N, C-alpha and C. Protein backbone atom coordinates (compact mmCIF):
# COMPACT_ATOMS: atom_id res chain seq x y z
N MET A 1 195.14 -37.96 53.01
CA MET A 1 195.56 -38.90 52.00
C MET A 1 197.12 -38.61 51.80
N THR A 2 197.67 -37.65 51.98
CA THR A 2 198.93 -37.37 51.69
C THR A 2 199.84 -37.96 52.88
N ALA A 3 199.14 -38.08 54.29
CA ALA A 3 199.84 -38.56 55.24
C ALA A 3 199.69 -40.05 55.16
N SER A 4 198.85 -40.59 54.56
CA SER A 4 198.78 -42.26 54.21
C SER A 4 199.76 -42.47 53.13
N ARG A 5 200.15 -41.76 52.31
CA ARG A 5 201.08 -41.78 51.06
C ARG A 5 202.35 -41.56 51.66
N LEU A 6 202.71 -40.66 52.70
CA LEU A 6 203.89 -40.81 53.20
C LEU A 6 204.11 -42.05 54.06
N GLN A 7 203.34 -42.52 54.75
CA GLN A 7 203.57 -43.65 55.65
C GLN A 7 203.83 -44.84 54.66
N ASP A 8 203.22 -45.23 53.55
CA ASP A 8 203.36 -45.93 52.50
C ASP A 8 204.94 -45.84 52.17
N ALA A 9 205.21 -44.74 51.78
CA ALA A 9 206.84 -44.38 51.21
C ALA A 9 207.76 -44.64 52.28
N ALA A 10 207.49 -44.22 53.59
CA ALA A 10 208.12 -44.34 54.53
C ALA A 10 208.64 -45.88 55.02
N LEU A 11 207.41 -46.57 54.88
CA LEU A 11 207.32 -48.02 55.41
C LEU A 11 208.47 -48.73 54.13
N ALA A 12 208.47 -48.40 53.04
CA ALA A 12 209.24 -49.03 52.07
C ALA A 12 210.87 -48.50 52.12
N ARG A 13 211.02 -47.44 52.66
CA ARG A 13 212.30 -46.81 52.75
C ARG A 13 213.17 -47.66 53.77
N PHE A 14 212.04 -47.52 55.23
CA PHE A 14 212.70 -48.17 56.38
C PHE A 14 212.96 -49.49 56.25
N ALA A 15 211.88 -50.17 55.44
CA ALA A 15 212.10 -51.81 55.44
C ALA A 15 213.44 -51.97 54.48
N LYS A 16 213.66 -51.09 53.42
CA LYS A 16 215.02 -51.40 52.80
C LYS A 16 216.34 -50.76 53.29
N GLN A 17 216.10 -49.73 53.81
CA GLN A 17 217.38 -48.92 54.26
C GLN A 17 217.53 -48.66 55.83
N GLY A 18 216.50 -48.98 56.65
CA GLY A 18 216.47 -49.00 58.03
C GLY A 18 216.45 -47.59 58.34
N PHE A 19 216.27 -47.07 59.65
CA PHE A 19 215.70 -45.83 60.20
C PHE A 19 216.86 -44.90 59.95
N ASP A 20 218.26 -45.12 60.31
CA ASP A 20 219.15 -44.16 60.17
C ASP A 20 219.54 -43.90 58.69
N ALA A 21 219.58 -44.69 57.88
CA ALA A 21 219.85 -44.56 56.52
C ALA A 21 218.84 -43.80 55.67
N THR A 22 217.59 -43.69 56.32
CA THR A 22 216.37 -43.10 55.49
C THR A 22 216.35 -41.50 55.71
N SER A 23 216.04 -40.83 54.89
CA SER A 23 216.12 -39.26 54.85
C SER A 23 214.52 -38.93 54.63
N MET A 24 214.38 -37.99 55.42
CA MET A 24 213.15 -37.25 55.10
C MET A 24 212.77 -36.74 53.63
N ASN A 25 214.00 -36.28 53.15
CA ASN A 25 213.95 -35.68 51.63
C ASN A 25 213.71 -37.02 50.72
N GLU A 26 214.24 -38.28 51.01
CA GLU A 26 213.85 -39.35 50.21
C GLU A 26 212.50 -39.56 50.22
N ILE A 27 212.08 -39.70 51.48
CA ILE A 27 210.45 -40.00 51.78
C ILE A 27 209.58 -38.98 50.93
N ALA A 28 209.74 -37.64 51.08
CA ALA A 28 209.06 -36.77 50.03
C ALA A 28 209.23 -36.98 48.84
N ALA A 29 210.41 -37.20 48.30
CA ALA A 29 210.60 -37.45 46.99
C ALA A 29 209.80 -38.57 46.22
N ASP A 30 209.80 -39.35 47.17
CA ASP A 30 209.23 -40.80 46.75
C ASP A 30 207.47 -40.40 46.50
N VAL A 31 206.96 -39.55 47.45
CA VAL A 31 205.48 -39.17 47.24
C VAL A 31 205.32 -38.03 46.25
N GLY A 32 206.54 -37.23 45.78
CA GLY A 32 206.18 -36.28 45.09
C GLY A 32 206.06 -34.74 45.57
N ILE A 33 206.50 -34.89 46.86
CA ILE A 33 206.29 -33.37 47.44
C ILE A 33 207.71 -32.83 47.95
N LYS A 34 207.55 -31.65 48.42
CA LYS A 34 208.91 -31.13 48.94
C LYS A 34 208.98 -31.59 50.43
N LYS A 35 210.12 -31.40 50.90
CA LYS A 35 210.37 -31.86 52.33
C LYS A 35 209.69 -30.97 53.27
N PRO A 36 209.64 -29.69 53.13
CA PRO A 36 208.66 -28.98 54.20
C PRO A 36 207.18 -29.38 54.03
N SER A 37 206.84 -29.74 53.05
CA SER A 37 205.33 -30.36 53.33
C SER A 37 204.98 -31.47 54.15
N VAL A 38 206.07 -32.38 54.17
CA VAL A 38 205.96 -33.46 55.29
C VAL A 38 205.78 -33.01 56.52
N TYR A 39 206.22 -32.03 56.96
CA TYR A 39 206.00 -31.41 58.22
C TYR A 39 204.76 -31.00 58.78
N ALA A 40 203.96 -30.82 57.70
CA ALA A 40 202.29 -30.59 57.83
C ALA A 40 201.68 -31.78 58.37
N HIS A 41 202.29 -32.84 58.07
CA HIS A 41 201.69 -34.33 58.74
C HIS A 41 202.55 -34.98 59.81
N PHE A 42 203.78 -34.70 59.70
CA PHE A 42 204.51 -35.52 60.69
C PHE A 42 205.58 -34.54 61.28
N ARG A 43 205.79 -34.41 62.70
CA ARG A 43 206.67 -33.22 63.08
C ARG A 43 208.29 -33.52 62.58
N ASN A 44 208.53 -34.92 62.70
CA ASN A 44 209.85 -35.34 62.45
C ASN A 44 209.82 -36.95 61.87
N LYS A 45 211.32 -37.44 61.65
CA LYS A 45 211.13 -38.72 61.03
C LYS A 45 210.89 -39.77 62.31
N GLU A 46 211.03 -39.51 63.57
CA GLU A 46 210.56 -40.42 64.42
C GLU A 46 209.23 -40.61 64.56
N GLU A 47 208.42 -39.22 64.44
CA GLU A 47 206.88 -39.48 64.56
C GLU A 47 206.44 -40.24 63.49
N LEU A 48 206.88 -40.21 62.18
CA LEU A 48 206.71 -40.83 61.11
C LEU A 48 206.64 -42.30 61.28
N PHE A 49 208.11 -42.48 61.64
CA PHE A 49 208.40 -43.98 62.03
C PHE A 49 207.46 -44.67 63.07
N LEU A 50 207.29 -44.01 64.13
CA LEU A 50 206.33 -44.67 65.31
C LEU A 50 204.71 -44.77 64.81
N SER A 51 204.41 -43.62 63.67
CA SER A 51 203.14 -43.83 63.14
C SER A 51 202.66 -45.12 62.55
N LEU A 52 204.00 -45.81 62.13
CA LEU A 52 203.77 -47.08 61.30
C LEU A 52 203.47 -48.27 62.23
N ILE A 53 203.96 -48.29 63.39
CA ILE A 53 203.94 -49.31 64.37
C ILE A 53 202.36 -49.94 64.59
N PRO A 54 201.26 -49.08 64.90
CA PRO A 54 200.05 -49.46 65.01
C PRO A 54 199.59 -50.09 63.66
N LEU A 55 199.87 -49.63 62.69
CA LEU A 55 199.42 -50.15 61.04
C LEU A 55 200.00 -51.39 61.01
N VAL A 56 201.22 -51.73 61.23
CA VAL A 56 201.71 -53.18 61.18
C VAL A 56 201.28 -54.14 62.37
N ILE A 57 201.25 -53.62 63.36
CA ILE A 57 200.58 -54.54 64.43
C ILE A 57 199.19 -55.00 64.17
N GLU A 58 198.16 -53.84 63.55
CA GLU A 58 196.80 -54.37 63.26
C GLU A 58 196.91 -55.23 61.88
N ALA A 59 197.76 -55.04 61.18
CA ALA A 59 197.60 -56.04 59.70
C ALA A 59 198.35 -57.58 60.49
N GLU A 60 199.40 -57.46 61.14
CA GLU A 60 199.79 -58.57 61.91
C GLU A 60 198.77 -59.41 62.67
N GLN A 61 198.16 -58.87 63.39
CA GLN A 61 196.96 -59.35 64.24
C GLN A 61 195.80 -59.92 63.24
N GLU A 62 195.58 -59.15 61.94
CA GLU A 62 194.43 -59.74 61.44
C GLU A 62 194.99 -60.93 60.43
N TYR A 63 196.28 -60.97 60.11
CA TYR A 63 196.88 -62.38 59.43
C TYR A 63 196.68 -63.39 60.40
N ALA A 64 197.18 -63.14 61.66
CA ALA A 64 197.30 -64.28 62.67
C ALA A 64 195.77 -64.94 62.67
N LYS A 65 194.86 -63.94 62.99
CA LYS A 65 193.50 -64.39 63.28
C LYS A 65 192.98 -65.24 61.98
N SER A 66 193.37 -64.65 60.94
CA SER A 66 192.72 -65.36 59.75
C SER A 66 193.37 -66.65 59.31
N THR A 67 194.67 -66.79 59.66
CA THR A 67 195.40 -67.95 59.44
C THR A 67 195.50 -69.21 60.37
N LEU A 68 195.32 -68.68 61.71
CA LEU A 68 195.29 -69.67 62.92
C LEU A 68 194.07 -69.75 63.31
N ARG A 69 193.17 -70.61 62.74
CA ARG A 69 191.54 -70.57 63.17
C ARG A 69 191.18 -71.91 64.11
N GLY A 70 192.14 -72.78 64.25
CA GLY A 70 191.83 -73.88 64.95
C GLY A 70 191.35 -74.88 64.01
N GLY A 71 190.70 -75.89 64.40
CA GLY A 71 189.92 -76.89 63.84
C GLY A 71 190.89 -78.22 63.28
N ASP A 72 189.97 -78.99 62.44
CA ASP A 72 190.94 -80.24 62.04
C ASP A 72 192.23 -80.08 61.47
N ASP A 73 192.66 -79.01 60.52
CA ASP A 73 193.85 -78.72 59.94
C ASP A 73 194.66 -77.85 60.78
N MET A 74 194.52 -77.79 61.96
CA MET A 74 195.53 -76.74 62.65
C MET A 74 197.03 -76.98 62.31
N LYS A 75 197.17 -78.02 62.07
CA LYS A 75 198.84 -78.56 61.86
C LYS A 75 199.02 -77.63 60.54
N GLN A 76 198.25 -77.93 59.74
CA GLN A 76 198.31 -77.24 58.33
C GLN A 76 198.58 -75.71 58.51
N GLN A 77 197.55 -75.30 59.23
CA GLN A 77 197.59 -73.77 59.62
C GLN A 77 199.09 -73.26 60.03
N LEU A 78 199.45 -74.23 60.90
CA LEU A 78 200.52 -73.45 61.63
C LEU A 78 201.87 -73.65 60.80
N LEU A 79 201.84 -74.74 60.01
CA LEU A 79 202.90 -74.87 58.96
C LEU A 79 203.03 -73.72 58.11
N ALA A 80 201.66 -73.53 57.66
CA ALA A 80 201.66 -72.31 56.56
C ALA A 80 202.07 -71.01 57.21
N TYR A 81 201.83 -70.90 58.49
CA TYR A 81 202.11 -69.62 59.15
C TYR A 81 203.47 -69.47 59.27
N LEU A 82 204.27 -70.55 59.70
CA LEU A 82 205.82 -70.67 59.79
C LEU A 82 206.38 -70.24 58.12
N GLN A 83 205.82 -71.16 57.30
CA GLN A 83 206.27 -71.07 55.76
C GLN A 83 205.92 -69.69 55.40
N GLY A 84 205.06 -69.12 55.90
CA GLY A 84 204.78 -67.71 55.50
C GLY A 84 205.71 -66.65 55.90
N ILE A 85 206.42 -66.95 56.77
CA ILE A 85 207.37 -65.88 57.46
C ILE A 85 208.31 -65.47 56.31
N GLU A 86 208.98 -66.29 55.55
CA GLU A 86 209.96 -66.23 54.45
C GLU A 86 209.03 -65.66 53.06
N GLU A 87 207.99 -66.21 52.78
CA GLU A 87 207.20 -65.85 51.58
C GLU A 87 206.55 -64.62 51.87
N ARG A 88 206.18 -64.01 53.12
CA ARG A 88 205.57 -62.63 52.98
C ARG A 88 206.89 -61.61 53.43
N PHE A 89 207.90 -62.05 53.93
CA PHE A 89 209.12 -61.25 54.08
C PHE A 89 209.46 -60.65 52.66
N ASN A 90 209.44 -61.72 51.87
CA ASN A 90 210.13 -61.49 50.21
C ASN A 90 209.22 -60.74 49.57
N SER A 91 207.83 -60.76 49.92
CA SER A 91 206.88 -60.05 49.05
C SER A 91 206.42 -58.96 49.57
N SER A 92 206.86 -58.23 50.85
CA SER A 92 206.08 -57.25 51.53
C SER A 92 206.98 -56.43 52.18
N TYR A 93 206.94 -55.19 51.85
CA TYR A 93 207.78 -54.23 52.57
C TYR A 93 207.39 -53.95 54.16
N ARG A 94 205.77 -54.37 54.30
CA ARG A 94 205.33 -54.11 55.40
C ARG A 94 206.00 -55.24 56.48
N VAL A 95 206.00 -56.64 55.88
CA VAL A 95 206.69 -57.34 56.76
C VAL A 95 208.03 -57.39 57.05
N GLN A 96 208.61 -56.74 56.08
CA GLN A 96 210.26 -56.75 56.09
C GLN A 96 210.47 -55.57 57.40
N PHE A 97 209.69 -54.63 57.04
CA PHE A 97 209.69 -53.68 58.23
C PHE A 97 209.20 -54.18 59.62
N TRP A 98 208.32 -55.00 59.45
CA TRP A 98 207.88 -55.46 61.02
C TRP A 98 208.98 -56.46 61.36
N VAL A 99 209.74 -57.44 60.82
CA VAL A 99 210.64 -58.04 61.41
C VAL A 99 212.01 -57.43 61.62
N ARG A 100 212.29 -56.53 60.79
CA ARG A 100 213.21 -55.73 61.16
C ARG A 100 213.26 -54.84 62.23
N ILE A 101 212.05 -54.22 62.62
CA ILE A 101 212.10 -53.53 63.92
C ILE A 101 211.92 -54.13 64.99
N LEU A 102 211.35 -55.36 64.80
CA LEU A 102 211.13 -56.33 66.00
C LEU A 102 212.25 -56.96 66.37
N LEU A 103 213.30 -57.03 65.26
CA LEU A 103 214.56 -57.73 66.00
C LEU A 103 215.66 -56.56 66.02
N ALA A 104 215.51 -55.36 65.61
CA ALA A 104 216.48 -54.57 65.82
C ALA A 104 215.83 -53.18 65.74
N PRO A 105 215.28 -52.65 66.69
CA PRO A 105 214.67 -51.31 66.38
C PRO A 105 215.78 -50.33 66.81
N PRO A 106 215.36 -48.84 66.19
CA PRO A 106 216.25 -48.00 66.70
C PRO A 106 216.61 -47.95 68.08
N VAL A 107 217.69 -47.80 68.59
CA VAL A 107 217.99 -47.76 69.93
C VAL A 107 217.28 -46.68 70.48
N HIS A 108 217.35 -45.52 70.03
CA HIS A 108 216.80 -44.33 70.74
C HIS A 108 215.26 -44.35 70.68
N LEU A 109 214.48 -45.26 70.08
CA LEU A 109 213.18 -45.49 69.98
C LEU A 109 212.72 -46.97 70.66
N TYR A 110 213.82 -47.53 71.19
CA TYR A 110 213.40 -49.02 71.77
C TYR A 110 212.21 -48.97 72.53
N ASP A 111 212.15 -48.39 73.66
CA ASP A 111 210.74 -48.80 74.28
C ASP A 111 209.57 -48.41 73.61
N MET A 112 209.66 -47.19 72.74
CA MET A 112 208.30 -46.78 72.05
C MET A 112 207.95 -47.73 71.10
N VAL A 113 209.07 -48.61 70.51
CA VAL A 113 208.69 -49.55 69.31
C VAL A 113 208.19 -50.83 70.11
N MET A 114 209.08 -51.21 71.35
CA MET A 114 208.93 -52.62 72.00
C MET A 114 207.84 -52.62 72.65
N ASP A 115 207.41 -51.73 73.36
CA ASP A 115 206.10 -51.94 74.37
C ASP A 115 204.95 -52.42 73.66
N PRO A 116 204.51 -51.60 72.40
CA PRO A 116 203.25 -52.07 71.81
C PRO A 116 203.77 -53.40 71.17
N MET A 117 204.73 -53.81 70.71
CA MET A 117 205.15 -55.24 70.14
C MET A 117 205.07 -56.15 71.17
N HIS A 118 205.38 -55.87 72.38
CA HIS A 118 205.20 -56.79 73.51
C HIS A 118 203.67 -57.21 73.85
N ILE A 119 202.82 -56.20 73.97
CA ILE A 119 201.57 -56.52 73.78
C ILE A 119 200.93 -57.26 72.67
N PHE A 120 201.58 -57.12 71.56
CA PHE A 120 201.27 -57.77 70.43
C PHE A 120 201.65 -59.22 70.40
N MET A 121 202.89 -59.46 70.77
CA MET A 121 203.24 -60.85 71.01
C MET A 121 202.32 -61.62 72.01
N ASP A 122 201.98 -60.94 72.98
CA ASP A 122 200.96 -61.60 74.10
C ASP A 122 199.62 -61.94 73.22
N ASP A 123 199.28 -61.03 72.54
CA ASP A 123 197.91 -61.27 71.84
C ASP A 123 198.31 -62.50 70.86
N LEU A 124 199.31 -62.41 70.08
CA LEU A 124 199.58 -63.75 69.36
C LEU A 124 199.66 -64.87 70.02
N GLU A 125 200.37 -64.73 71.22
CA GLU A 125 200.57 -65.98 71.76
C GLU A 125 198.89 -66.74 72.17
N ARG A 126 197.93 -65.67 72.49
CA ARG A 126 196.73 -66.04 72.93
C ARG A 126 195.77 -66.54 71.53
N ILE A 127 196.37 -65.95 70.63
CA ILE A 127 195.56 -66.67 69.18
C ILE A 127 196.00 -68.04 69.01
N LEU A 128 197.23 -67.98 69.21
CA LEU A 128 197.89 -69.62 69.17
C LEU A 128 196.92 -70.40 70.11
N LYS A 129 197.08 -70.24 71.16
CA LYS A 129 196.46 -71.13 72.21
C LYS A 129 195.38 -71.47 72.21
N ASN A 130 194.31 -70.34 71.75
CA ASN A 130 192.74 -70.63 71.44
C ASN A 130 192.62 -71.48 70.20
N ALA A 131 193.57 -71.20 69.21
CA ALA A 131 193.36 -72.22 68.10
C ALA A 131 193.89 -73.54 68.32
N LEU A 132 195.03 -73.79 69.06
CA LEU A 132 195.22 -74.94 69.52
C LEU A 132 194.37 -75.85 70.37
N GLN A 133 193.46 -74.86 71.44
CA GLN A 133 192.67 -75.57 72.06
C GLN A 133 191.53 -76.10 71.23
N ALA A 134 191.21 -75.29 70.13
CA ALA A 134 190.14 -75.77 69.28
C ALA A 134 190.45 -76.68 68.27
N SER A 135 191.36 -77.36 68.51
CA SER A 135 191.96 -78.48 67.51
C SER A 135 192.39 -79.38 68.01
N PRO A 136 192.59 -80.88 67.19
CA PRO A 136 192.79 -81.97 67.63
C PRO A 136 194.17 -82.40 68.07
N LEU A 137 195.25 -81.24 68.18
CA LEU A 137 196.43 -81.35 68.55
C LEU A 137 196.67 -81.42 70.00
N VAL A 138 195.47 -80.86 70.91
CA VAL A 138 195.35 -81.16 72.28
C VAL A 138 194.05 -82.19 72.72
N PRO A 139 194.17 -83.08 73.12
CA PRO A 139 195.50 -83.60 73.73
C PRO A 139 196.24 -84.47 72.69
N ASN A 140 197.50 -84.85 73.24
CA ASN A 140 198.62 -85.46 72.44
C ASN A 140 199.19 -86.28 73.26
N ALA A 141 200.15 -87.29 72.52
CA ALA A 141 200.78 -88.10 73.08
C ALA A 141 201.97 -87.65 74.13
N SER A 142 202.33 -86.30 73.91
CA SER A 142 203.44 -85.75 74.75
C SER A 142 203.00 -85.05 76.02
N GLN A 143 201.51 -85.16 76.23
CA GLN A 143 200.46 -84.42 77.01
C GLN A 143 201.08 -83.03 77.41
N LEU A 144 201.27 -82.24 76.29
CA LEU A 144 201.49 -80.96 76.20
C LEU A 144 200.39 -80.12 75.98
N SER A 145 200.15 -79.26 77.13
CA SER A 145 199.13 -78.10 76.82
C SER A 145 199.15 -77.30 75.80
N ALA A 146 197.83 -76.85 75.49
CA ALA A 146 197.66 -75.72 74.73
C ALA A 146 198.69 -74.51 74.62
N ASP A 147 198.84 -74.27 76.26
CA ASP A 147 199.62 -73.06 76.76
C ASP A 147 201.33 -73.39 76.23
N VAL A 148 201.51 -74.68 76.76
CA VAL A 148 203.07 -75.02 76.16
C VAL A 148 203.11 -74.85 74.77
N LEU A 149 202.20 -75.45 74.00
CA LEU A 149 202.36 -75.52 72.49
C LEU A 149 202.20 -74.13 71.82
N ALA A 150 201.45 -73.07 72.65
CA ALA A 150 201.49 -71.90 72.19
C ALA A 150 202.71 -71.12 72.45
N MET A 151 203.59 -71.53 73.73
CA MET A 151 204.76 -70.95 73.82
C MET A 151 206.11 -71.54 72.89
N THR A 152 205.96 -72.68 72.80
CA THR A 152 206.60 -73.36 71.75
C THR A 152 206.36 -72.57 70.41
N CYS A 153 205.26 -72.34 69.74
CA CYS A 153 204.98 -71.77 68.45
C CYS A 153 205.73 -70.55 68.55
N MET A 154 205.48 -69.83 69.66
CA MET A 154 206.27 -68.39 69.66
C MET A 154 207.68 -68.36 69.55
N SER A 155 208.36 -69.60 70.19
CA SER A 155 209.57 -69.79 70.14
C SER A 155 210.25 -69.82 68.66
N MET A 156 209.38 -70.68 68.17
CA MET A 156 209.53 -71.16 66.68
C MET A 156 209.60 -69.83 65.75
N ILE A 157 208.38 -69.04 65.96
CA ILE A 157 208.26 -67.87 65.15
C ILE A 157 209.58 -66.95 65.43
N ASP A 158 209.78 -66.64 66.86
CA ASP A 158 211.07 -65.92 67.08
C ASP A 158 212.46 -66.37 66.17
N SER A 159 212.61 -67.45 66.53
CA SER A 159 213.77 -68.23 65.79
C SER A 159 213.94 -68.24 64.47
N LEU A 160 212.53 -68.19 63.82
CA LEU A 160 212.83 -68.27 62.35
C LEU A 160 213.08 -66.88 61.91
N GLN A 161 212.37 -65.89 62.32
CA GLN A 161 212.22 -64.52 62.01
C GLN A 161 213.81 -64.02 62.11
N SER A 162 214.43 -64.39 63.26
CA SER A 162 215.94 -64.25 63.39
C SER A 162 216.73 -64.76 62.38
N GLU A 163 216.74 -66.22 62.20
CA GLU A 163 217.37 -66.60 61.20
C GLU A 163 217.21 -66.15 59.95
N LEU A 164 216.31 -65.75 59.61
CA LEU A 164 215.78 -65.35 58.06
C LEU A 164 216.36 -63.99 58.10
N LEU A 165 216.42 -63.12 58.93
CA LEU A 165 216.73 -61.56 58.97
C LEU A 165 218.62 -61.64 58.90
N PHE A 166 219.12 -62.63 59.66
CA PHE A 166 220.63 -62.39 59.98
C PHE A 166 221.28 -63.64 59.28
N GLY A 167 220.75 -64.71 59.09
CA GLY A 167 221.27 -65.77 58.68
C GLY A 167 221.15 -66.14 56.86
N GLY A 168 219.82 -65.75 56.47
CA GLY A 168 219.56 -65.88 55.43
C GLY A 168 218.39 -67.08 55.13
N ALA A 169 218.06 -67.01 53.60
CA ALA A 169 216.88 -67.92 53.24
C ALA A 169 217.30 -69.58 53.52
N LYS A 170 218.32 -69.93 53.20
CA LYS A 170 219.03 -71.22 53.25
C LYS A 170 218.83 -71.70 54.80
N LYS A 171 219.60 -70.88 55.85
CA LYS A 171 219.63 -71.22 57.14
C LYS A 171 218.11 -71.28 57.52
N TYR A 172 217.25 -70.19 57.18
CA TYR A 172 215.77 -70.18 57.72
C TYR A 172 215.33 -71.41 57.37
N GLN A 173 215.35 -71.94 56.03
CA GLN A 173 214.76 -73.35 55.79
C GLN A 173 215.32 -74.39 56.48
N ARG A 174 216.52 -74.50 56.68
CA ARG A 174 216.90 -75.65 57.64
C ARG A 174 216.38 -75.43 59.15
N ARG A 175 216.42 -74.28 59.58
CA ARG A 175 215.74 -74.19 60.92
C ARG A 175 214.24 -74.56 60.84
N LEU A 176 213.64 -74.27 59.85
CA LEU A 176 212.07 -74.61 59.63
C LEU A 176 211.98 -76.19 59.87
N GLU A 177 212.90 -76.72 58.91
CA GLU A 177 212.53 -78.12 58.71
C GLU A 177 212.84 -78.67 60.02
N SER A 178 213.78 -78.21 60.74
CA SER A 178 214.35 -79.22 61.89
C SER A 178 213.41 -78.81 63.10
N THR A 179 212.71 -77.74 63.25
CA THR A 179 212.06 -77.19 64.46
C THR A 179 210.76 -77.98 64.05
N TRP A 180 210.26 -77.95 63.00
CA TRP A 180 208.78 -78.36 62.66
C TRP A 180 208.88 -80.14 62.66
N ALA A 181 209.94 -80.72 62.32
CA ALA A 181 209.98 -82.20 62.80
C ALA A 181 209.84 -82.35 64.38
N VAL A 182 210.49 -81.58 65.00
CA VAL A 182 210.61 -81.91 66.55
C VAL A 182 208.97 -81.59 67.01
N PHE A 183 208.51 -80.37 66.58
CA PHE A 183 206.99 -80.08 66.90
C PHE A 183 206.13 -81.07 66.37
N GLU A 184 206.42 -81.81 65.33
CA GLU A 184 205.33 -82.83 64.84
C GLU A 184 205.36 -84.01 65.99
N ALA A 185 206.69 -84.31 66.23
CA ALA A 185 206.73 -85.47 67.02
C ALA A 185 205.99 -84.82 68.21
N ALA A 186 205.99 -83.86 68.90
CA ALA A 186 205.51 -83.35 69.96
C ALA A 186 204.04 -83.50 70.03
N ILE A 187 203.20 -83.24 68.84
CA ILE A 187 201.98 -83.27 68.68
C ILE A 187 201.38 -84.40 68.22
N ALA A 188 202.16 -85.70 68.22
CA ALA A 188 201.56 -86.96 67.87
C ALA A 188 200.37 -87.09 68.54
N SER A 189 199.45 -87.91 67.94
CA SER A 189 198.40 -88.19 68.31
C SER A 189 198.21 -89.23 69.54
N PRO A 190 197.74 -89.16 70.99
CA PRO A 190 197.85 -90.14 71.88
C PRO A 190 197.29 -91.48 71.53
N SER A 191 196.60 -91.51 70.31
CA SER A 191 195.98 -92.90 70.20
C SER A 191 197.12 -93.88 69.70
N ASP A 192 197.74 -93.27 68.66
CA ASP A 192 198.98 -94.20 68.23
C ASP A 192 200.49 -93.58 67.93
N GLY A 193 200.45 -92.19 68.39
CA GLY A 193 201.90 -91.63 68.27
C GLY A 193 201.89 -91.15 66.86
N ASN A 194 201.20 -91.27 65.92
CA ASN A 194 201.66 -91.04 64.54
C ASN A 194 201.49 -89.40 64.47
N ALA A 195 202.53 -88.62 64.01
CA ALA A 195 202.58 -87.18 63.90
C ALA A 195 201.53 -86.92 62.76
N ASP A 196 201.06 -87.73 61.83
CA ASP A 196 200.38 -87.19 60.79
C ASP A 196 198.85 -87.20 61.22
N ASN A 197 198.38 -87.81 62.55
CA ASN A 197 197.03 -87.63 62.71
C ASN A 197 196.76 -86.17 63.48
């Protein structure tokens, strides 16, 4: 139980302050224990940090699977997922941690962070592809396959996360509106070219 509380406290600290600015003393104090007690659960700050990666990956996988299901309202599901980048970032330390380490992991932990992240990104692309294939967005007037649309969505997600973290909410919103307008045009129905179908 204490290990889980330490992970929750560490998640909040790393999300707000980053890896380098967070101390084990702060994490211990947040949980209400002495620093030496932390080492009964985690050997060092790196081990505690890395223990969070599978937890956030699992949560993000579940969120993607529950949001991106395919079907007639796939376009709305995609838009909700993209809009949720900012909404979830603003309301969740877990998502703040996720975005920050995805775009700027600690240099000395880069491979240990990014190797599982790359696996997750492949999984997310598969989730998107399967949902798109099970929707009326394929076929479309642009003759874009589910593969191409899934990779396009991945590019949009990467771009929006980066803009939110480094450019702020206003620039994120502008980028979302612009990229979504292009995406809507690309997925127009082959029957009449209307992006609302």
